[in-house]
Amino acid sequence: MSKKRLVEGIDYYIENGFYVFTEKYLRERGYCCKSGCRHCPYGYKKG
């Protein structure tokens, strides 16, 4: 099984040393991890 390589600027970007996944990447991943991702396409907001 081959894994797709992540592309900086398309799948993620780096902000203050942290990787931030884009909405495109999170949507293609296919599920919500319930971590409160900044660009969550599933509407999850961490309380």
C-alpha atoms as a PDB file:
ATOM      1  CA  MET A   1       0.000   0.000   0.000  1.00  0.00           C
ATOM      2  CA  SER A   2       1.504   3.338  -1.006  1.00  0.00           C
ATOM      3  CA  LYS A   3       0.820   6.499   0.953  1.00  0.00           C
ATOM      4  CA  LYS A   4       0.350   9.912  -0.629  1.00  0.00           C
ATOM      5  CA  ARG A   5       3.093  12.388   0.204  1.00  0.00           C
ATOM      6  CA  LEU A   6       1.877  15.571   1.851  1.00  0.00           C
ATOM      7  CA  VAL A   7       2.588  18.786  -0.029  1.00  0.00           C
ATOM      8  CA  GLU A   8       3.384  21.935   1.936  1.00  0.00           C
ATOM      9  CA  GLY A   9       1.033  24.763   1.012  1.00  0.00           C
ATOM     10  CA  ILE A  10      -1.621  22.358  -0.267  1.00  0.00           C
ATOM     11  CA  ASP A  11      -2.093  19.727   2.448  1.00  0.00           C
ATOM     12  CA  TYR A  12      -0.563  21.680   5.319  1.00  0.00           C
ATOM     13  CA  TYR A  13       1.401  24.768   6.258  1.00  0.00           C
ATOM     14  CA  ILE A  14       3.738  25.510   9.130  1.00  0.00           C
ATOM     15  CA  GLU A  15       2.842  28.243  11.601  1.00  0.00           C
ATOM     16  CA  ASN A  16       5.050  29.021  14.606  1.00  0.00           C
ATOM     17  CA  GLY A  17       6.679  25.591  14.256  1.00  0.00           C
ATOM     18  CA  PHE A  18       3.367  23.687  14.172  1.00  0.00           C
ATOM     19  CA  TYR A  19       1.916  21.795  11.218  1.00  0.00           C
ATOM     20  CA  VAL A  20      -1.590  23.040  10.359  1.00  0.00           C
ATOM     21  CA  PHE A  21      -3.619  20.785   8.069  1.00  0.00           C
ATOM     22  CA  THR A  22      -5.723  22.437   5.377  1.00  0.00           C
ATOM     23  CA  GLU A  23      -9.439  21.845   4.896  1.00  0.00           C
ATOM     24  CA  LYS A  24      -8.602  20.040   1.632  1.00  0.00           C
ATOM     25  CA  TYR A  25      -6.389  17.528   3.426  1.00  0.00           C
ATOM     26  CA  LEU A  26      -8.833  16.983   6.287  1.00  0.00           C
ATOM     27  CA  ARG A  27     -11.757  16.451   3.904  1.00  0.00           C
ATOM     28  CA  GLU A  28      -9.766  13.958   1.792  1.00  0.00           C
ATOM     29  CA  ARG A  29      -8.726  12.104   4.953  1.00  0.00           C
ATOM     30  CA  GLY A  30     -12.411  11.316   5.360  1.00  0.00           C
ATOM     31  CA  TYR A  31     -13.087  11.577   9.084  1.00  0.00           C
ATOM     32  CA  CYS A  32     -13.002  13.993  12.021  1.00  0.00           C
ATOM     33  CA  CYS A  33     -10.377  13.285  14.675  1.00  0.00           C
ATOM     34  CA  LYS A  34     -12.139  15.572  17.211  1.00  0.00           C
ATOM     35  CA  SER A  35      -8.925  17.434  17.998  1.00  0.00           C
ATOM     36  CA  GLY A  36     -10.388  20.836  17.129  1.00  0.00           C
ATOM     37  CA  CYS A  37      -8.393  21.342  13.944  1.00  0.00           C
ATOM     38  CA  ARG A  38      -8.424  24.957  12.759  1.00  0.00           C
ATOM     39  CA  HIS A  39      -9.747  24.082   9.293  1.00  0.00           C
ATOM     40  CA  CYS A  40     -12.081  21.205  10.244  1.00  0.00           C
ATOM     41  CA  PRO A  41     -14.563  20.667   7.390  1.00  0.00           C
ATOM     42  CA  TYR A  42     -16.822  18.615   9.693  1.00  0.00           C
ATOM     43  CA  GLY A  43     -17.814  21.511  11.964  1.00  0.00           C
ATOM     44  CA  TYR A  44     -16.207  20.157  15.124  1.00  0.00           C
ATOM     45  CA  LYS A  45     -15.369  22.866  17.643  1.00  0.00           C
ATOM     46  CA  LYS A  46     -13.369  21.917  20.709  1.00  0.00           C
ATOM     47  CA  GLY A  47     -15.172  23.200  23.811  1.00  0.00           C
END
